[in-house]
Structures are given as structure tokens and as C-alpha cells.
């Protein structure tokens, strides 16, 4: 499954918060599908 979100952050806290919310959507999907989350990978610009 894939999830996407437009970048809509202006501060560091907002960037990290938006990233955490998108991760939570993916993890919630895993739980709904009966999937254990084995690991998390972060790819970052900069």
C-alpha cells in the first residue's frame, strides 16, 4: 500500500509532525491487515 501527502509545514516541528502522522496512517493500515511492523525506513532530503 502507498500513502501520500502534500508538504504543508513551515517549521521543524511541523515537518516532523507531518511525517509522524503519515507513518501512523501506514502503521494503522498494517494493524488493520494483521501485519506486524518489522521496521521503519526514513528517506530525507537535505
ModelCIF file with pLDDT and N, C-alpha, C, O atoms, coordinates in Angstrom:
data_MODEL
#
_entry.id   MODEL 
#
_entity.id                         1 
_entity.type                       polymer 
_entity.pdbx_number_of_molecules   1 
#
_entity_poly.entity_id                      1 
_entity_poly.type                           'polypeptide(L)' 
_entity_poly.nstd_linkage                   no 
_entity_poly.nstd_monomer                   no 
_entity_poly.pdbx_seq_one_letter_code       
;(UNK)(UNK)(UNK)(UNK)(UNK)(UNK)(UNK)(UNK)(UNK)(UNK)(UNK)(UNK)(UNK)(UNK)(UNK)(UNK)
(UNK)(UNK)(UNK)(UNK)(UNK)(UNK)(UNK)(UNK)(UNK)(UNK)(UNK)(UNK)(UNK)(UNK)(UNK)(UNK)
(UNK)(UNK)(UNK)(UNK)(UNK)(UNK)(UNK)(UNK)(UNK)(UNK)(UNK)(UNK)(UNK)(UNK)
;
_entity_poly.pdbx_seq_one_letter_code_can   XXXXXXXXXXXXXXXXXXXXXXXXXXXXXXXXXXXXXXXXXXXXXX 
_entity_poly.pdbx_strand_id                 A 
#
loop_
_entity_poly_seq.entity_id 
_entity_poly_seq.num 
_entity_poly_seq.mon_id 
_entity_poly_seq.hetero 
1 1  UNK n 
1 2  UNK n 
1 3  UNK n 
1 4  UNK n 
1 5  UNK n 
1 6  UNK n 
1 7  UNK n 
1 8  UNK n 
1 9  UNK n 
1 10 UNK n 
1 11 UNK n 
1 12 UNK n 
1 13 UNK n 
1 14 UNK n 
1 15 UNK n 
1 16 UNK n 
1 17 UNK n 
1 18 UNK n 
1 19 UNK n 
1 20 UNK n 
1 21 UNK n 
1 22 UNK n 
1 23 UNK n 
1 24 UNK n 
1 25 UNK n 
1 26 UNK n 
1 27 UNK n 
1 28 UNK n 
1 29 UNK n 
1 30 UNK n 
1 31 UNK n 
1 32 UNK n 
1 33 UNK n 
1 34 UNK n 
1 35 UNK n 
1 36 UNK n 
1 37 UNK n 
1 38 UNK n 
1 39 UNK n 
1 40 UNK n 
1 41 UNK n 
1 42 UNK n 
1 43 UNK n 
1 44 UNK n 
1 45 UNK n 
1 46 UNK n 
#
_struct_asym.id          A 
_struct_asym.entity_id   1 
#
loop_
_ma_qa_metric.id 
_ma_qa_metric.mode 
_ma_qa_metric.name 
_ma_qa_metric.software_group_id 
_ma_qa_metric.type 
1 global pLDDT . pLDDT 
2 local  pLDDT . pLDDT 
#
_ma_qa_metric_global.metric_id      1 
_ma_qa_metric_global.metric_value   95.54 
_ma_qa_metric_global.model_id       1 
_ma_qa_metric_global.ordinal_id     1 
#
loop_
_ma_qa_metric_local.label_asym_id 
_ma_qa_metric_local.label_comp_id 
_ma_qa_metric_local.label_seq_id 
_ma_qa_metric_local.metric_id 
_ma_qa_metric_local.metric_value 
_ma_qa_metric_local.model_id 
_ma_qa_metric_local.ordinal_id 
A UNK 1  2 97.00 1 1  
A UNK 2  2 97.00 1 2  
A UNK 3  2 97.00 1 3  
A UNK 4  2 96.00 1 4  
A UNK 5  2 95.00 1 5  
A UNK 6  2 93.00 1 6  
A UNK 7  2 92.00 1 7  
A UNK 8  2 90.00 1 8  
A UNK 9  2 88.00 1 9  
A UNK 10 2 89.00 1 10 
A UNK 11 2 95.00 1 11 
A UNK 12 2 96.00 1 12 
A UNK 13 2 96.00 1 13 
A UNK 14 2 96.00 1 14 
A UNK 15 2 96.00 1 15 
A UNK 16 2 96.00 1 16 
A UNK 17 2 96.00 1 17 
A UNK 18 2 96.00 1 18 
A UNK 19 2 96.00 1 19 
A UNK 20 2 97.00 1 20 
A UNK 21 2 97.00 1 21 
A UNK 22 2 97.00 1 22 
A UNK 23 2 97.00 1 23 
A UNK 24 2 97.00 1 24 
A UNK 25 2 97.00 1 25 
A UNK 26 2 98.00 1 26 
A UNK 27 2 97.00 1 27 
A UNK 28 2 97.00 1 28 
A UNK 29 2 98.00 1 29 
A UNK 30 2 97.00 1 30 
A UNK 31 2 96.00 1 31 
A UNK 32 2 97.00 1 32 
A UNK 33 2 97.00 1 33 
A UNK 34 2 96.00 1 34 
A UNK 35 2 97.00 1 35 
A UNK 36 2 96.00 1 36 
A UNK 37 2 97.00 1 37 
A UNK 38 2 96.00 1 38 
A UNK 39 2 97.00 1 39 
A UNK 40 2 98.00 1 40 
A UNK 41 2 98.00 1 41 
A UNK 42 2 98.00 1 42 
A UNK 43 2 96.00 1 43 
A UNK 44 2 94.00 1 44 
A UNK 45 2 90.00 1 45 
A UNK 46 2 86.00 1 46 
#
loop_
_atom_site.group_PDB 
_atom_site.id 
_atom_site.type_symbol 
_atom_site.label_atom_id 
_atom_site.label_alt_id 
_atom_site.label_comp_id 
_atom_site.label_asym_id 
_atom_site.label_entity_id 
_atom_site.label_seq_id 
_atom_site.pdbx_PDB_ins_code 
_atom_site.Cartn_x 
_atom_site.Cartn_y 
_atom_site.Cartn_z 
_atom_site.occupancy 
_atom_site.B_iso_or_equiv 
_atom_site.pdbx_formal_charge 
_atom_site.auth_seq_id 
_atom_site.auth_comp_id 
_atom_site.auth_asym_id 
_atom_site.auth_atom_id 
_atom_site.pdbx_PDB_model_num 
ATOM 1   N N  . UNK A 1 1  ? 0.845  -1.191 0.000  1.00 97.00 ? 1  UNK A N  1 
ATOM 2   C CA . UNK A 1 1  ? 0.000  0.000  0.000  1.00 97.00 ? 1  UNK A CA 1 
ATOM 3   C C  . UNK A 1 1  ? 0.882  1.244  0.000  1.00 97.00 ? 1  UNK A C  1 
ATOM 4   O O  . UNK A 1 1  ? 2.015  1.218  0.480  1.00 97.00 ? 1  UNK A O  1 
ATOM 5   N N  . UNK A 1 2  ? 0.346  2.331  -0.545 1.00 97.00 ? 2  UNK A N  1 
ATOM 6   C CA . UNK A 1 2  ? 1.068  3.604  -0.605 1.00 97.00 ? 2  UNK A CA 1 
ATOM 7   C C  . UNK A 1 2  ? 0.189  4.722  -0.058 1.00 97.00 ? 2  UNK A C  1 
ATOM 8   O O  . UNK A 1 2  ? -1.035 4.700  -0.190 1.00 97.00 ? 2  UNK A O  1 
ATOM 9   N N  . UNK A 1 3  ? 0.849  5.704  0.562  1.00 97.00 ? 3  UNK A N  1 
ATOM 10  C CA . UNK A 1 3  ? 0.165  6.881  1.102  1.00 97.00 ? 3  UNK A CA 1 
ATOM 11  C C  . UNK A 1 3  ? 0.953  8.124  0.695  1.00 97.00 ? 3  UNK A C  1 
ATOM 12  O O  . UNK A 1 3  ? 2.179  8.089  0.599  1.00 97.00 ? 3  UNK A O  1 
ATOM 13  N N  . UNK A 1 4  ? 0.242  9.210  0.460  1.00 96.00 ? 4  UNK A N  1 
ATOM 14  C CA . UNK A 1 4  ? 0.905  10.443 0.026  1.00 96.00 ? 4  UNK A CA 1 
ATOM 15  C C  . UNK A 1 4  ? 0.282  11.642 0.720  1.00 96.00 ? 4  UNK A C  1 
ATOM 16  O O  . UNK A 1 4  ? -0.885 11.617 1.112  1.00 96.00 ? 4  UNK A O  1 
ATOM 17  N N  . UNK A 1 5  ? 1.086  12.697 0.864  1.00 95.00 ? 5  UNK A N  1 
ATOM 18  C CA . UNK A 1 5  ? 0.594  13.936 1.458  1.00 95.00 ? 5  UNK A CA 1 
ATOM 19  C C  . UNK A 1 5  ? 1.381  15.106 0.885  1.00 95.00 ? 5  UNK A C  1 
ATOM 20  O O  . UNK A 1 5  ? 2.598  15.026 0.716  1.00 95.00 ? 5  UNK A O  1 
ATOM 21  N N  . UNK A 1 6  ? 0.680  16.185 0.592  1.00 93.00 ? 6  UNK A N  1 
ATOM 22  C CA . UNK A 1 6  ? 1.363  17.396 0.153  1.00 93.00 ? 6  UNK A CA 1 
ATOM 23  C C  . UNK A 1 6  ? 2.169  17.967 1.307  1.00 93.00 ? 6  UNK A C  1 
ATOM 24  O O  . UNK A 1 6  ? 1.752  17.898 2.463  1.00 93.00 ? 6  UNK A O  1 
ATOM 25  N N  . UNK A 1 7  ? 3.327  18.531 0.985  1.00 92.00 ? 7  UNK A N  1 
ATOM 26  C CA . UNK A 1 7  ? 4.152  19.163 2.008  1.00 92.00 ? 7  UNK A CA 1 
ATOM 27  C C  . UNK A 1 7  ? 3.467  20.454 2.448  1.00 92.00 ? 7  UNK A C  1 
ATOM 28  O O  . UNK A 1 7  ? 3.218  21.339 1.630  1.00 92.00 ? 7  UNK A O  1 
ATOM 29  N N  . UNK A 1 8  ? 3.166  20.559 3.729  1.00 90.00 ? 8  UNK A N  1 
ATOM 30  C CA . UNK A 1 8  ? 2.438  21.732 4.209  1.00 90.00 ? 8  UNK A CA 1 
ATOM 31  C C  . UNK A 1 8  ? 2.960  22.178 5.566  1.00 90.00 ? 8  UNK A C  1 
ATOM 32  O O  . UNK A 1 8  ? 2.179  22.528 6.451  1.00 90.00 ? 8  UNK A O  1 
ATOM 33  N N  . UNK A 1 9  ? 4.273  22.168 5.733  1.00 88.00 ? 9  UNK A N  1 
ATOM 34  C CA . UNK A 1 9  ? 4.883  22.522 7.007  1.00 88.00 ? 9  UNK A CA 1 
ATOM 35  C C  . UNK A 1 9  ? 5.793  23.733 6.840  1.00 88.00 ? 9  UNK A C  1 
ATOM 36  O O  . UNK A 1 9  ? 6.416  23.913 5.794  1.00 88.00 ? 9  UNK A O  1 
ATOM 37  N N  . UNK A 1 10 ? 5.864  24.559 7.877  1.00 89.00 ? 10 UNK A N  1 
ATOM 38  C CA . UNK A 1 10 ? 6.720  25.732 7.828  1.00 89.00 ? 10 UNK A CA 1 
ATOM 39  C C  . UNK A 1 10 ? 7.839  25.720 8.848  1.00 89.00 ? 10 UNK A C  1 
ATOM 40  O O  . UNK A 1 10 ? 8.831  26.433 8.700  1.00 89.00 ? 10 UNK A O  1 
ATOM 41  N N  . UNK A 1 11 ? 7.679  24.904 9.893  1.00 95.00 ? 11 UNK A N  1 
ATOM 42  C CA . UNK A 1 11 ? 8.681  24.822 10.946 1.00 95.00 ? 11 UNK A CA 1 
ATOM 43  C C  . UNK A 1 11 ? 9.186  23.395 11.077 1.00 95.00 ? 11 UNK A C  1 
ATOM 44  O O  . UNK A 1 11 ? 8.600  22.463 10.527 1.00 95.00 ? 11 UNK A O  1 
ATOM 45  N N  . UNK A 1 12 ? 10.279 23.234 11.812 1.00 96.00 ? 12 UNK A N  1 
ATOM 46  C CA . UNK A 1 12 ? 10.837 21.901 12.029 1.00 96.00 ? 12 UNK A CA 1 
ATOM 47  C C  . UNK A 1 12 ? 9.836  20.995 12.735 1.00 96.00 ? 12 UNK A C  1 
ATOM 48  O O  . UNK A 1 12 ? 9.675  19.832 12.364 1.00 96.00 ? 12 UNK A O  1 
ATOM 49  N N  . UNK A 1 13 ? 9.166  21.527 13.751 1.00 96.00 ? 13 UNK A N  1 
ATOM 50  C CA . UNK A 1 13 ? 8.191  20.727 14.492 1.00 96.00 ? 13 UNK A CA 1 
ATOM 51  C C  . UNK A 1 13 ? 7.049  20.286 13.578 1.00 96.00 ? 13 UNK A C  1 
ATOM 52  O O  . UNK A 1 13 ? 6.556  19.164 13.697 1.00 96.00 ? 13 UNK A O  1 
ATOM 53  N N  . UNK A 1 14 ? 6.629  21.160 12.670 1.00 96.00 ? 14 UNK A N  1 
ATOM 54  C CA . UNK A 1 14 ? 5.541  20.811 11.758 1.00 96.00 ? 14 UNK A CA 1 
ATOM 55  C C  . UNK A 1 14 ? 5.970  19.749 10.752 1.00 96.00 ? 14 UNK A C  1 
ATOM 56  O O  . UNK A 1 14 ? 5.182  18.866 10.415 1.00 96.00 ? 14 UNK A O  1 
ATOM 57  N N  . UNK A 1 15 ? 7.227  19.824 10.262 1.00 96.00 ? 15 UNK A N  1 
ATOM 58  C CA . UNK A 1 15 ? 7.746  18.811 9.336  1.00 96.00 ? 15 UNK A CA 1 
ATOM 59  C C  . UNK A 1 15 ? 7.748  17.441 10.000 1.00 96.00 ? 15 UNK A C  1 
ATOM 60  O O  . UNK A 1 15 ? 7.261  16.464 9.432  1.00 96.00 ? 15 UNK A O  1 
ATOM 61  N N  . UNK A 1 16 ? 8.298  17.380 11.205 1.00 96.00 ? 16 UNK A N  1 
ATOM 62  C CA . UNK A 1 16 ? 8.380  16.102 11.909 1.00 96.00 ? 16 UNK A CA 1 
ATOM 63  C C  . UNK A 1 16 ? 6.984  15.596 12.265 1.00 96.00 ? 16 UNK A C  1 
ATOM 64  O O  . UNK A 1 16 ? 6.709  14.400 12.178 1.00 96.00 ? 16 UNK A O  1 
ATOM 65  N N  . UNK A 1 17 ? 6.106  16.516 12.665 1.00 96.00 ? 17 UNK A N  1 
ATOM 66  C CA . UNK A 1 17 ? 4.739  16.126 12.995 1.00 96.00 ? 17 UNK A CA 1 
ATOM 67  C C  . UNK A 1 17 ? 4.001  15.564 11.796 1.00 96.00 ? 17 UNK A C  1 
ATOM 68  O O  . UNK A 1 17 ? 3.276  14.577 11.924 1.00 96.00 ? 17 UNK A O  1 
ATOM 69  N N  . UNK A 1 18 ? 4.175  16.177 10.626 1.00 96.00 ? 18 UNK A N  1 
ATOM 70  C CA . UNK A 1 18 ? 3.520  15.673 9.421  1.00 96.00 ? 18 UNK A CA 1 
ATOM 71  C C  . UNK A 1 18 ? 4.061  14.297 9.062  1.00 96.00 ? 18 UNK A C  1 
ATOM 72  O O  . UNK A 1 18 ? 3.305  13.420 8.644  1.00 96.00 ? 18 UNK A O  1 
ATOM 73  N N  . UNK A 1 19 ? 5.366  14.105 9.223  1.00 96.00 ? 19 UNK A N  1 
ATOM 74  C CA . UNK A 1 19 ? 5.978  12.801 8.930  1.00 96.00 ? 19 UNK A CA 1 
ATOM 75  C C  . UNK A 1 19 ? 5.443  11.729 9.877  1.00 96.00 ? 19 UNK A C  1 
ATOM 76  O O  . UNK A 1 19 ? 5.149  10.611 9.453  1.00 96.00 ? 19 UNK A O  1 
ATOM 77  N N  . UNK A 1 20 ? 5.319  12.064 11.133 1.00 97.00 ? 20 UNK A N  1 
ATOM 78  C CA . UNK A 1 20 ? 4.812  11.091 12.108 1.00 97.00 ? 20 UNK A CA 1 
ATOM 79  C C  . UNK A 1 20 ? 3.362  10.717 11.816 1.00 97.00 ? 20 UNK A C  1 
ATOM 80  O O  . UNK A 1 20 ? 2.976  9.560  11.978 1.00 97.00 ? 20 UNK A O  1 
ATOM 81  N N  . UNK A 1 21 ? 2.571  11.672 11.394 1.00 97.00 ? 21 UNK A N  1 
ATOM 82  C CA . UNK A 1 21 ? 1.161  11.368 11.095 1.00 97.00 ? 21 UNK A CA 1 
ATOM 83  C C  . UNK A 1 21 ? 1.034  10.441 9.893  1.00 97.00 ? 21 UNK A C  1 
ATOM 84  O O  . UNK A 1 21 ? 0.191  9.544  9.883  1.00 97.00 ? 21 UNK A O  1 
ATOM 85  N N  . UNK A 1 22 ? 1.876  10.657 8.874  1.00 97.00 ? 22 UNK A N  1 
ATOM 86  C CA . UNK A 1 22 ? 1.818  9.786  7.703  1.00 97.00 ? 22 UNK A CA 1 
ATOM 87  C C  . UNK A 1 22 ? 2.288  8.374  8.058  1.00 97.00 ? 22 UNK A C  1 
ATOM 88  O O  . UNK A 1 22 ? 1.722  7.388  7.586  1.00 97.00 ? 22 UNK A O  1 
ATOM 89  N N  . UNK A 1 23 ? 3.330  8.285  8.894  1.00 97.00 ? 23 UNK A N  1 
ATOM 90  C CA . UNK A 1 23 ? 3.777  6.968  9.372  1.00 97.00 ? 23 UNK A CA 1 
ATOM 91  C C  . UNK A 1 23 ? 2.666  6.275  10.151 1.00 97.00 ? 23 UNK A C  1 
ATOM 92  O O  . UNK A 1 23 ? 2.455  5.071  10.011 1.00 97.00 ? 23 UNK A O  1 
ATOM 93  N N  . UNK A 1 24 ? 1.964  7.040  10.966 1.00 97.00 ? 24 UNK A N  1 
ATOM 94  C CA . UNK A 1 24 ? 0.881  6.448  11.755 1.00 97.00 ? 24 UNK A CA 1 
ATOM 95  C C  . UNK A 1 24 ? -0.208 5.896  10.854 1.00 97.00 ? 24 UNK A C  1 
ATOM 96  O O  . UNK A 1 24 ? -0.772 4.842  11.151 1.00 97.00 ? 24 UNK A O  1 
ATOM 97  N N  . UNK A 1 25 ? -0.523 6.589  9.743  1.00 97.00 ? 25 UNK A N  1 
ATOM 98  C CA . UNK A 1 25 ? -1.516 6.072  8.791  1.00 97.00 ? 25 UNK A CA 1 
ATOM 99  C C  . UNK A 1 25 ? -1.076 4.716  8.246  1.00 97.00 ? 25 UNK A C  1 
ATOM 100 O O  . UNK A 1 25 ? -1.878 3.788  8.148  1.00 97.00 ? 25 UNK A O  1 
ATOM 101 N N  . UNK A 1 26 ? 0.209  4.611  7.892  1.00 98.00 ? 26 UNK A N  1 
ATOM 102 C CA . UNK A 1 26 ? 0.720  3.355  7.341  1.00 98.00 ? 26 UNK A CA 1 
ATOM 103 C C  . UNK A 1 26 ? 0.716  2.249  8.381  1.00 98.00 ? 26 UNK A C  1 
ATOM 104 O O  . UNK A 1 26 ? 0.377  1.105  8.075  1.00 98.00 ? 26 UNK A O  1 
ATOM 105 N N  . UNK A 1 27 ? 1.090  2.583  9.610  1.00 97.00 ? 27 UNK A N  1 
ATOM 106 C CA . UNK A 1 27 ? 1.114  1.580  10.675 1.00 97.00 ? 27 UNK A CA 1 
ATOM 107 C C  . UNK A 1 27 ? -0.301 1.139  11.033 1.00 97.00 ? 27 UNK A C  1 
ATOM 108 O O  . UNK A 1 27 ? -0.533 -0.041 11.298 1.00 97.00 ? 27 UNK A O  1 
ATOM 109 N N  . UNK A 1 28 ? -1.250 2.079  11.044 1.00 97.00 ? 28 UNK A N  1 
ATOM 110 C CA . UNK A 1 28 ? -2.649 1.710  11.277 1.00 97.00 ? 28 UNK A CA 1 
ATOM 111 C C  . UNK A 1 28 ? -3.150 0.751  10.197 1.00 97.00 ? 28 UNK A C  1 
ATOM 112 O O  . UNK A 1 28 ? -3.887 -0.194 10.478 1.00 97.00 ? 28 UNK A O  1 
ATOM 113 N N  . UNK A 1 29 ? -2.733 1.015  8.952  1.00 98.00 ? 29 UNK A N  1 
ATOM 114 C CA . UNK A 1 29 ? -3.094 0.099  7.853  1.00 98.00 ? 29 UNK A CA 1 
ATOM 115 C C  . UNK A 1 29 ? -2.539 -1.302 8.137  1.00 98.00 ? 29 UNK A C  1 
ATOM 116 O O  . UNK A 1 29 ? -3.242 -2.297 7.960  1.00 98.00 ? 29 UNK A O  1 
ATOM 117 N N  . UNK A 1 30 ? -1.295 -1.375 8.570  1.00 97.00 ? 30 UNK A N  1 
ATOM 118 C CA . UNK A 1 30 ? -0.696 -2.675 8.878  1.00 97.00 ? 30 UNK A CA 1 
ATOM 119 C C  . UNK A 1 30 ? -1.508 -3.408 9.948  1.00 97.00 ? 30 UNK A C  1 
ATOM 120 O O  . UNK A 1 30 ? -1.777 -4.603 9.829  1.00 97.00 ? 30 UNK A O  1 
ATOM 121 N N  . UNK A 1 31 ? -1.886 -2.681 10.978 1.00 96.00 ? 31 UNK A N  1 
ATOM 122 C CA . UNK A 1 31 ? -2.655 -3.305 12.058 1.00 96.00 ? 31 UNK A CA 1 
ATOM 123 C C  . UNK A 1 31 ? -4.009 -3.799 11.549 1.00 96.00 ? 31 UNK A C  1 
ATOM 124 O O  . UNK A 1 31 ? -4.470 -4.872 11.935 1.00 96.00 ? 31 UNK A O  1 
ATOM 125 N N  . UNK A 1 32 ? -4.640 -3.007 10.678 1.00 97.00 ? 32 UNK A N  1 
ATOM 126 C CA . UNK A 1 32 ? -5.933 -3.415 10.111 1.00 97.00 ? 32 UNK A CA 1 
ATOM 127 C C  . UNK A 1 32 ? -5.799 -4.682 9.270  1.00 97.00 ? 32 UNK A C  1 
ATOM 128 O O  . UNK A 1 32 ? -6.720 -5.497 9.217  1.00 97.00 ? 32 UNK A O  1 
ATOM 129 N N  . UNK A 1 33 ? -4.633 -4.847 8.605  1.00 97.00 ? 33 UNK A N  1 
ATOM 130 C CA . UNK A 1 33 ? -4.406 -6.002 7.739  1.00 97.00 ? 33 UNK A CA 1 
ATOM 131 C C  . UNK A 1 33 ? -3.800 -7.185 8.482  1.00 97.00 ? 33 UNK A C  1 
ATOM 132 O O  . UNK A 1 33 ? -3.520 -8.220 7.877  1.00 97.00 ? 33 UNK A O  1 
ATOM 133 N N  . UNK A 1 34 ? -3.597 -7.042 9.777  1.00 96.00 ? 34 UNK A N  1 
ATOM 134 C CA . UNK A 1 34 ? -2.996 -8.112 10.554 1.00 96.00 ? 34 UNK A CA 1 
ATOM 135 C C  . UNK A 1 34 ? -1.504 -8.268 10.325 1.00 96.00 ? 34 UNK A C  1 
ATOM 136 O O  . UNK A 1 34 ? -0.961 -9.358 10.502 1.00 96.00 ? 34 UNK A O  1 
ATOM 137 N N  . UNK A 1 35 ? -0.833 -7.186 9.931  1.00 97.00 ? 35 UNK A N  1 
ATOM 138 C CA . UNK A 1 35 ? 0.601  -7.212 9.654  1.00 97.00 ? 35 UNK A CA 1 
ATOM 139 C C  . UNK A 1 35 ? 1.386  -6.635 10.825 1.00 97.00 ? 35 UNK A C  1 
ATOM 140 O O  . UNK A 1 35 ? 1.058  -5.567 11.341 1.00 97.00 ? 35 UNK A O  1 
ATOM 141 N N  . UNK A 1 36 ? 2.421  -7.351 11.237 1.00 96.00 ? 36 UNK A N  1 
ATOM 142 C CA . UNK A 1 36 ? 3.344  -6.786 12.198 1.00 96.00 ? 36 UNK A CA 1 
ATOM 143 C C  . UNK A 1 36 ? 4.313  -5.848 11.495 1.00 96.00 ? 36 UNK A C  1 
ATOM 144 O O  . UNK A 1 36 ? 4.763  -6.143 10.387 1.00 96.00 ? 36 UNK A O  1 
ATOM 145 N N  . UNK A 1 37 ? 4.643  -4.720 12.123 1.00 97.00 ? 37 UNK A N  1 
ATOM 146 C CA . UNK A 1 37 ? 5.598  -3.779 11.536 1.00 97.00 ? 37 UNK A CA 1 
ATOM 147 C C  . UNK A 1 37 ? 7.007  -4.200 11.942 1.00 97.00 ? 37 UNK A C  1 
ATOM 148 O O  . UNK A 1 37 ? 7.390  -4.112 13.109 1.00 97.00 ? 37 UNK A O  1 
ATOM 149 N N  . UNK A 1 38 ? 7.761  -4.657 10.959 1.00 96.00 ? 38 UNK A N  1 
ATOM 150 C CA . UNK A 1 38 ? 9.093  -5.201 11.203 1.00 96.00 ? 38 UNK A CA 1 
ATOM 151 C C  . UNK A 1 38 ? 10.119 -4.094 11.411 1.00 96.00 ? 38 UNK A C  1 
ATOM 152 O O  . UNK A 1 38 ? 10.998 -4.211 12.264 1.00 96.00 ? 38 UNK A O  1 
ATOM 153 N N  . UNK A 1 39 ? 10.007 -3.004 10.620 1.00 97.00 ? 39 UNK A N  1 
ATOM 154 C CA . UNK A 1 39 ? 10.989 -1.922 10.689 1.00 97.00 ? 39 UNK A CA 1 
ATOM 155 C C  . UNK A 1 39 ? 10.425 -0.695 10.008 1.00 97.00 ? 39 UNK A C  1 
ATOM 156 O O  . UNK A 1 39 ? 9.396  -0.758 9.334  1.00 97.00 ? 39 UNK A O  1 
ATOM 157 N N  . UNK A 1 40 ? 11.114 0.432  10.192 1.00 98.00 ? 40 UNK A N  1 
ATOM 158 C CA . UNK A 1 40 ? 10.713 1.703  9.599  1.00 98.00 ? 40 UNK A CA 1 
ATOM 159 C C  . UNK A 1 40 ? 11.928 2.348  8.941  1.00 98.00 ? 40 UNK A C  1 
ATOM 160 O O  . UNK A 1 40 ? 12.985 2.464  9.562  1.00 98.00 ? 40 UNK A O  1 
ATOM 161 N N  . UNK A 1 41 ? 11.779 2.768  7.687  1.00 98.00 ? 41 UNK A N  1 
ATOM 162 C CA . UNK A 1 41 ? 12.862 3.437  6.970  1.00 98.00 ? 41 UNK A CA 1 
ATOM 163 C C  . UNK A 1 41 ? 12.507 4.874  6.668  1.00 98.00 ? 41 UNK A C  1 
ATOM 164 O O  . UNK A 1 41 ? 11.403 5.156  6.202  1.00 98.00 ? 41 UNK A O  1 
ATOM 165 N N  . UNK A 1 42 ? 13.432 5.792  6.927  1.00 98.00 ? 42 UNK A N  1 
ATOM 166 C CA . UNK A 1 42 ? 13.237 7.216  6.667  1.00 98.00 ? 42 UNK A CA 1 
ATOM 167 C C  . UNK A 1 42 ? 14.206 7.673  5.587  1.00 98.00 ? 42 UNK A C  1 
ATOM 168 O O  . UNK A 1 42 ? 15.420 7.535  5.738  1.00 98.00 ? 42 UNK A O  1 
ATOM 169 N N  . UNK A 1 43 ? 13.674 8.215  4.500  1.00 96.00 ? 43 UNK A N  1 
ATOM 170 C CA . UNK A 1 43 ? 14.485 8.845  3.462  1.00 96.00 ? 43 UNK A CA 1 
ATOM 171 C C  . UNK A 1 43 ? 14.293 10.351 3.589  1.00 96.00 ? 43 UNK A C  1 
ATOM 172 O O  . UNK A 1 43 ? 13.162 10.834 3.543  1.00 96.00 ? 43 UNK A O  1 
ATOM 173 N N  . UNK A 1 44 ? 15.382 11.097 3.748  1.00 94.00 ? 44 UNK A N  1 
ATOM 174 C CA . UNK A 1 44 ? 15.249 12.533 3.996  1.00 94.00 ? 44 UNK A CA 1 
ATOM 175 C C  . UNK A 1 44 ? 16.028 13.358 2.994  1.00 94.00 ? 44 UNK A C  1 
ATOM 176 O O  . UNK A 1 44 ? 17.157 13.026 2.633  1.00 94.00 ? 44 UNK A O  1 
ATOM 177 N N  . UNK A 1 45 ? 15.412 14.428 2.554  1.00 90.00 ? 45 UNK A N  1 
ATOM 178 C CA . UNK A 1 45 ? 16.097 15.423 1.736  1.00 90.00 ? 45 UNK A CA 1 
ATOM 179 C C  . UNK A 1 45 ? 17.025 16.238 2.630  1.00 90.00 ? 45 UNK A C  1 
ATOM 180 O O  . UNK A 1 45 ? 16.846 16.286 3.847  1.00 90.00 ? 45 UNK A O  1 
ATOM 181 N N  . UNK A 1 46 ? 18.012 16.875 2.019  1.00 86.00 ? 46 UNK A N  1 
ATOM 182 C CA . UNK A 1 46 ? 18.912 17.728 2.785  1.00 86.00 ? 46 UNK A CA 1 
ATOM 183 C C  . UNK A 1 46 ? 20.186 17.005 3.145  1.00 86.00 ? 46 UNK A C  1 
ATOM 184 O O  . UNK A 1 46 ? 21.060 17.580 3.794  1.00 86.00 ? 46 UNK A O  1 
#
